[in-house]
Amino acid sequence: MESVKIYLLLFVVVVTGMYFLYYKRGKNPLLLPGDFYRISGPRAIYIPIGAGIIVTTILYIILRLIF
């Protein structure tokens, strides 16, 4: 149960960081290689595949170091 609390805490920290980056940098928070960002008229599509892989890898490494 303790590991779930730590994972949720790290998840909240990462989501909060991405939220602040979104409002600081504009409409594309973490535009990395592998991310899809397309603007067509009034719609914008952002699929963060590269950012998701990086965030998942960082969380995995942190959790493996803790446990």
PDB file of N, CA and C in Angstrom:
ATOM      1  N   MET A   1       0.823  -1.197   0.000  1.00  0.00           N
ATOM      2  CA  MET A   1       0.000   0.000   0.000  1.00  0.00           C
ATOM      3  C   MET A   1       0.869   1.263   0.000  1.00  0.00           C
ATOM      4  N   GLU A   2       2.030   1.166   0.604  1.00  0.00           N
ATOM      5  CA  GLU A   2       2.928   2.316   0.657  1.00  0.00           C
ATOM      6  C   GLU A   2       3.441   2.680  -0.736  1.00  0.00           C
ATOM      7  N   SER A   3       3.670   1.666  -1.572  1.00  0.00           N
ATOM      8  CA  SER A   3       4.170   1.949  -2.915  1.00  0.00           C
ATOM      9  C   SER A   3       3.116   2.660  -3.764  1.00  0.00           C
ATOM     10  N   VAL A   4       1.846   2.369  -3.533  1.00  0.00           N
ATOM     11  CA  VAL A   4       0.776   3.040  -4.270  1.00  0.00           C
ATOM     12  C   VAL A   4       0.738   4.521  -3.893  1.00  0.00           C
ATOM     13  N   LYS A   5       0.939   4.830  -2.631  1.00  0.00           N
ATOM     14  CA  LYS A   5       0.949   6.225  -2.193  1.00  0.00           C
ATOM     15  C   LYS A   5       2.111   6.987  -2.824  1.00  0.00           C
ATOM     16  N   ILE A   6       3.274   6.359  -2.876  1.00  0.00           N
ATOM     17  CA  ILE A   6       4.439   7.018  -3.471  1.00  0.00           C
ATOM     18  C   ILE A   6       4.227   7.224  -4.965  1.00  0.00           C
ATOM     19  N   TYR A   7       3.682   6.209  -5.647  1.00  0.00           N
ATOM     20  CA  TYR A   7       3.428   6.335  -7.083  1.00  0.00           C
ATOM     21  C   TYR A   7       2.426   7.455  -7.348  1.00  0.00           C
ATOM     22  N   LEU A   8       1.350   7.528  -6.573  1.00  0.00           N
ATOM     23  CA  LEU A   8       0.360   8.581  -6.765  1.00  0.00           C
ATOM     24  C   LEU A   8       0.955   9.961  -6.494  1.00  0.00           C
ATOM     25  N   LEU A   9       1.820  10.066  -5.497  1.00  0.00           N
ATOM     26  CA  LEU A   9       2.489  11.332  -5.216  1.00  0.00           C
ATOM     27  C   LEU A   9       3.368  11.752  -6.396  1.00  0.00           C
ATOM     28  N   LEU A  10       4.150  10.816  -6.933  1.00  0.00           N
ATOM     29  CA  LEU A  10       4.990  11.135  -8.087  1.00  0.00           C
ATOM     30  C   LEU A  10       4.147  11.487  -9.309  1.00  0.00           C
ATOM     31  N   PHE A  11       3.029  10.800  -9.483  1.00  0.00           N
ATOM     32  CA  PHE A  11       2.137  11.098 -10.598  1.00  0.00           C
ATOM     33  C   PHE A  11       1.580  12.512 -10.486  1.00  0.00           C
ATOM     34  N   VAL A  12       1.163  12.899  -9.283  1.00  0.00           N
ATOM     35  CA  VAL A  12       0.623  14.244  -9.076  1.00  0.00           C
ATOM     36  C   VAL A  12       1.699  15.296  -9.339  1.00  0.00           C
ATOM     37  N   VAL A  13       2.918  15.034  -8.913  1.00  0.00           N
ATOM     38  CA  VAL A  13       4.015  15.979  -9.134  1.00  0.00           C
ATOM     39  C   VAL A  13       4.280  16.143 -10.631  1.00  0.00           C
ATOM     40  N   VAL A  14       4.300  15.049 -11.380  1.00  0.00           N
ATOM     41  CA  VAL A  14       4.557  15.118 -12.818  1.00  0.00           C
ATOM     42  C   VAL A  14       3.423  15.843 -13.542  1.00  0.00           C
ATOM     43  N   VAL A  15       2.179  15.530 -13.194  1.00  0.00           N
ATOM     44  CA  VAL A  15       1.039  16.186 -13.841  1.00  0.00           C
ATOM     45  C   VAL A  15       1.022  17.673 -13.517  1.00  0.00           C
ATOM     46  N   THR A  16       1.336  18.032 -12.284  1.00  0.00           N
ATOM     47  CA  THR A  16       1.392  19.442 -11.907  1.00  0.00           C
ATOM     48  C   THR A  16       2.485  20.167 -12.679  1.00  0.00           C
ATOM     49  N   GLY A  17       3.640  19.525 -12.822  1.00  0.00           N
ATOM     50  CA  GLY A  17       4.726  20.131 -13.592  1.00  0.00           C
ATOM     51  C   GLY A  17       4.347  20.336 -15.046  1.00  0.00           C
ATOM     52  N   MET A  18       3.675  19.363 -15.645  1.00  0.00           N
ATOM     53  CA  MET A  18       3.248  19.511 -17.033  1.00  0.00           C
ATOM     54  C   MET A  18       2.176  20.598 -17.163  1.00  0.00           C
ATOM     55  N   TYR A  19       1.321  20.729 -16.151  1.00  0.00           N
ATOM     56  CA  TYR A  19       0.293  21.769 -16.162  1.00  0.00           C
ATOM     57  C   TYR A  19       0.933  23.151 -16.178  1.00  0.00           C
ATOM     58  N   PHE A  20       1.948  23.354 -15.330  1.00  0.00           N
ATOM     59  CA  PHE A  20       2.608  24.655 -15.291  1.00  0.00           C
ATOM     60  C   PHE A  20       3.411  24.920 -16.566  1.00  0.00           C
ATOM     61  N   LEU A  21       4.021  23.881 -17.120  1.00  0.00           N
ATOM     62  CA  LEU A  21       4.728  24.061 -18.393  1.00  0.00           C
ATOM     63  C   LEU A  21       3.757  24.422 -19.509  1.00  0.00           C
ATOM     64  N   TYR A  22       2.572  23.880 -19.464  1.00  0.00           N
ATOM     65  CA  TYR A  22       1.564  24.163 -20.494  1.00  0.00           C
ATOM     66  C   TYR A  22       1.210  25.646 -20.502  1.00  0.00           C
ATOM     67  N   TYR A  23       1.009  26.211 -19.328  1.00  0.00           N
ATOM     68  CA  TYR A  23       0.626  27.621 -19.277  1.00  0.00           C
ATOM     69  C   TYR A  23       1.811  28.559 -19.406  1.00  0.00           C
ATOM     70  N   LYS A  24       3.010  28.079 -19.140  1.00  0.00           N
ATOM     71  CA  LYS A  24       4.183  28.935 -19.269  1.00  0.00           C
ATOM     72  C   LYS A  24       4.655  29.025 -20.720  1.00  0.00           C
ATOM     73  N   ARG A  25       4.640  27.909 -21.442  1.00  0.00           N
ATOM     74  CA  ARG A  25       5.185  27.884 -22.796  1.00  0.00           C
ATOM     75  C   ARG A  25       4.140  28.096 -23.877  1.00  0.00           C
ATOM     76  N   GLY A  26       2.890  28.045 -23.544  1.00  0.00           N
ATOM     77  CA  GLY A  26       1.876  28.230 -24.572  1.00  0.00           C
ATOM     78  C   GLY A  26       1.045  26.990 -24.763  1.00  0.00           C
ATOM     79  N   LYS A  27       0.786  26.661 -26.022  1.00  0.00           N
ATOM     80  CA  LYS A  27      -0.147  25.583 -26.305  1.00  0.00           C
ATOM     81  C   LYS A  27       0.496  24.213 -26.427  1.00  0.00           C
ATOM     82  N   ASN A  28       1.795  24.108 -26.504  1.00  0.00           N
ATOM     83  CA  ASN A  28       2.437  22.799 -26.579  1.00  0.00           C
ATOM     84  C   ASN A  28       3.421  22.651 -25.418  1.00  0.00           C
ATOM     85  N   PRO A  29       3.044  21.925 -24.366  1.00  0.00           N
ATOM     86  CA  PRO A  29       3.851  21.882 -23.152  1.00  0.00           C
ATOM     87  C   PRO A  29       5.204  21.213 -23.323  1.00  0.00           C
ATOM     88  N   LEU A  30       5.247  20.002 -23.790  1.00  0.00           N
ATOM     89  CA  LEU A  30       6.507  19.285 -23.967  1.00  0.00           C
ATOM     90  C   LEU A  30       6.541  18.712 -25.373  1.00  0.00           C
ATOM     91  N   LEU A  31       6.922  19.499 -26.318  1.00  0.00           N
ATOM     92  CA  LEU A  31       6.952  19.033 -27.697  1.00  0.00           C
ATOM     93  C   LEU A  31       8.306  18.377 -27.950  1.00  0.00           C
ATOM     94  N   LEU A  32       8.339  17.069 -27.810  1.00  0.00           N
ATOM     95  CA  LEU A  32       9.556  16.298 -27.960  1.00  0.00           C
ATOM     96  C   LEU A  32       9.518  15.522 -29.271  1.00  0.00           C
ATOM     97  N   PRO A  33      10.672  15.024 -29.718  1.00  0.00           N
ATOM     98  CA  PRO A  33      10.633  14.146 -30.896  1.00  0.00           C
ATOM     99  C   PRO A  33       9.767  12.926 -30.592  1.00  0.00           C
ATOM    100  N   GLY A  34       8.867  12.616 -31.475  1.00  0.00           N
ATOM    101  CA  GLY A  34       7.952  11.508 -31.253  1.00  0.00           C
ATOM    102  C   GLY A  34       6.558  11.973 -30.848  1.00  0.00           C
ATOM    103  N   ASP A  35       6.412  13.245 -30.517  1.00  0.00           N
ATOM    104  CA  ASP A  35       5.099  13.802 -30.180  1.00  0.00           C
ATOM    105  C   ASP A  35       4.427  14.296 -31.454  1.00  0.00           C
ATOM    106  N   PHE A  36       3.131  14.120 -31.519  1.00  0.00           N
ATOM    107  CA  PHE A  36       2.368  14.595 -32.662  1.00  0.00           C
ATOM    108  C   PHE A  36       1.583  15.829 -32.262  1.00  0.00           C
ATOM    109  N   TYR A  37       1.773  16.914 -32.983  1.00  0.00           N
ATOM    110  CA  TYR A  37       1.084  18.176 -32.706  1.00  0.00           C
ATOM    111  C   TYR A  37       0.605  18.731 -34.032  1.00  0.00           C
ATOM    112  N   ARG A  38      -0.688  18.798 -34.205  1.00  0.00           N
ATOM    113  CA  ARG A  38      -1.238  19.272 -35.469  1.00  0.00           C
ATOM    114  C   ARG A  38      -2.342  20.290 -35.203  1.00  0.00           C
ATOM    115  N   ILE A  39      -2.274  21.393 -35.926  1.00  0.00           N
ATOM    116  CA  ILE A  39      -3.290  22.431 -35.827  1.00  0.00           C
ATOM    117  C   ILE A  39      -4.045  22.440 -37.147  1.00  0.00           C
ATOM    118  N   SER A  40      -5.357  22.268 -37.055  1.00  0.00           N
ATOM    119  CA  SER A  40      -6.161  22.365 -38.268  1.00  0.00           C
ATOM    120  C   SER A  40      -7.373  23.232 -37.941  1.00  0.00           C
ATOM    121  N   GLY A  41      -7.279  24.469 -38.368  1.00  0.00           N
ATOM    122  CA  GLY A  41      -8.354  25.422 -38.085  1.00  0.00           C
ATOM    123  C   GLY A  41      -8.408  25.751 -36.596  1.00  0.00           C
ATOM    124  N   PRO A  42      -9.582  25.676 -35.998  1.00  0.00           N
ATOM    125  CA  PRO A  42      -9.689  26.007 -34.577  1.00  0.00           C
ATOM    126  C   PRO A  42      -9.291  24.849 -33.660  1.00  0.00           C
ATOM    127  N   ARG A  43      -9.014  23.680 -34.223  1.00  0.00           N
ATOM    128  CA  ARG A  43      -8.673  22.516 -33.410  1.00  0.00           C
ATOM    129  C   ARG A  43      -7.175  22.276 -33.385  1.00  0.00           C
ATOM    130  N   ALA A  44      -6.710  21.823 -32.246  1.00  0.00           N
ATOM    131  CA  ALA A  44      -5.315  21.421 -32.115  1.00  0.00           C
ATOM    132  C   ALA A  44      -5.284  20.018 -31.527  1.00  0.00           C
ATOM    133  N   ILE A  45      -4.498  19.152 -32.122  1.00  0.00           N
ATOM    134  CA  ILE A  45      -4.372  17.778 -31.648  1.00  0.00           C
ATOM    135  C   ILE A  45      -2.939  17.590 -31.158  1.00  0.00           C
ATOM    136  N   TYR A  46      -2.808  17.152 -29.921  1.00  0.00           N
ATOM    137  CA  TYR A  46      -1.498  16.920 -29.321  1.00  0.00           C
ATOM    138  C   TYR A  46      -1.488  15.515 -28.733  1.00  0.00           C
ATOM    139  N   ILE A  47      -0.639  14.636 -29.271  1.00  0.00           N
ATOM    140  CA  ILE A  47      -0.514  13.275 -28.775  1.00  0.00           C
ATOM    141  C   ILE A  47       0.917  13.114 -28.263  1.00  0.00           C
ATOM    142  N   PRO A  48       1.107  13.105 -26.940  1.00  0.00           N
ATOM    143  CA  PRO A  48       2.458  13.098 -26.362  1.00  0.00           C
ATOM    144  C   PRO A  48       3.055  11.703 -26.223  1.00  0.00           C
ATOM    145  N   ILE A  49       3.395  11.066 -27.333  1.00  0.00           N
ATOM    146  CA  ILE A  49       3.978   9.728 -27.258  1.00  0.00           C
ATOM    147  C   ILE A  49       5.407   9.800 -26.703  1.00  0.00           C
ATOM    148  N   GLY A  50       6.223  10.709 -27.215  1.00  0.00           N
ATOM    149  CA  GLY A  50       7.602  10.852 -26.734  1.00  0.00           C
ATOM    150  C   GLY A  50       7.667  11.288 -25.277  1.00  0.00           C
ATOM    151  N   ALA A  51       6.838  12.259 -24.906  1.00  0.00           N
ATOM    152  CA  ALA A  51       6.817  12.728 -23.523  1.00  0.00           C
ATOM    153  C   ALA A  51       6.320  11.631 -22.594  1.00  0.00           C
ATOM    154  N   GLY A  52       5.355  10.852 -23.042  1.00  0.00           N
ATOM    155  CA  GLY A  52       4.839   9.760 -22.217  1.00  0.00           C
ATOM    156  C   GLY A  52       5.890   8.699 -21.949  1.00  0.00           C
ATOM    157  N   ILE A  53       6.677   8.383 -22.966  1.00  0.00           N
ATOM    158  CA  ILE A  53       7.741   7.395 -22.792  1.00  0.00           C
ATOM    159  C   ILE A  53       8.797   7.905 -21.824  1.00  0.00           C
ATOM    160  N   ILE A  54       9.158   9.174 -21.935  1.00  0.00           N
ATOM    161  CA  ILE A  54      10.170   9.742 -21.032  1.00  0.00           C
ATOM    162  C   ILE A  54       9.668   9.786 -19.600  1.00  0.00           C
ATOM    163  N   VAL A  55       8.431  10.241 -19.392  1.00  0.00           N
ATOM    164  CA  VAL A  55       7.865  10.322 -18.033  1.00  0.00           C
ATOM    165  C   VAL A  55       7.747   8.934 -17.431  1.00  0.00           C
ATOM    166  N   THR A  56       7.309   7.953 -18.217  1.00  0.00           N
ATOM    167  CA  THR A  56       7.190   6.588 -17.723  1.00  0.00           C
ATOM    168  C   THR A  56       8.547   6.021 -17.339  1.00  0.00           C
ATOM    169  N   THR A  57       9.562   6.278 -18.142  1.00  0.00           N
ATOM    170  CA  THR A  57      10.904   5.791 -17.841  1.00  0.00           C
ATOM    171  C   THR A  57      11.448   6.421 -16.573  1.00  0.00           C
ATOM    172  N   ILE A  58      11.256   7.715 -16.409  1.00  0.00           N
ATOM    173  CA  ILE A  58      11.737   8.397 -15.202  1.00  0.00           C
ATOM    174  C   ILE A  58      11.029   7.873 -13.959  1.00  0.00           C
ATOM    175  N   LEU A  59       9.708   7.707 -14.026  1.00  0.00           N
ATOM    176  CA  LEU A  59       8.970   7.156 -12.887  1.00  0.00           C
ATOM    177  C   LEU A  59       9.422   5.740 -12.574  1.00  0.00           C
ATOM    178  N   TYR A  60       9.681   4.932 -13.586  1.00  0.00           N
ATOM    179  CA  TYR A  60      10.151   3.559 -13.381  1.00  0.00           C
ATOM    180  C   TYR A  60      11.498   3.555 -12.666  1.00  0.00           C
ATOM    181  N   ILE A  61      12.417   4.400 -13.112  1.00  0.00           N
ATOM    182  CA  ILE A  61      13.747   4.452 -12.490  1.00  0.00           C
ATOM    183  C   ILE A  61      13.636   4.913 -11.039  1.00  0.00           C
ATOM    184  N   ILE A  62      12.844   5.932 -10.781  1.00  0.00           N
ATOM    185  CA  ILE A  62      12.688   6.423  -9.401  1.00  0.00           C
ATOM    186  C   ILE A  62      12.100   5.337  -8.509  1.00  0.00           C
ATOM    187  N   LEU A  63      11.067   4.644  -8.986  1.00  0.00           N
ATOM    188  CA  LEU A  63      10.444   3.609  -8.178  1.00  0.00           C
ATOM    189  C   LEU A  63      11.366   2.422  -7.966  1.00  0.00           C
ATOM    190  N   ARG A  64      12.195   2.079  -8.965  1.00  0.00           N
ATOM    191  CA  ARG A  64      13.143   0.982  -8.787  1.00  0.00           C
ATOM    192  C   ARG A  64      14.237   1.358  -7.783  1.00  0.00           C
ATOM    193  N   LEU A  65      14.620   2.626  -7.723  1.00  0.00           N
ATOM    194  CA  LEU A  65      15.622   3.048  -6.741  1.00  0.00           C
ATOM    195  C   LEU A  65      15.058   3.037  -5.329  1.00  0.00           C
ATOM    196  N   ILE A  66      13.772   3.338  -5.188  1.00  0.00           N
ATOM    197  CA  ILE A  66      13.151   3.375  -3.865  1.00  0.00           C
ATOM    198  C   ILE A  66      12.904   1.969  -3.349  1.00  0.00           C
ATOM    199  N   PHE A  67      12.453   1.072  -4.211  1.00  0.00           N
ATOM    200  CA  PHE A  67      12.083  -0.278  -3.761  1.00  0.00           C
ATOM    201  C   PHE A  67      13.095  -1.267  -4.235  1.00  0.00           C
TER     202      PHE A  67
END
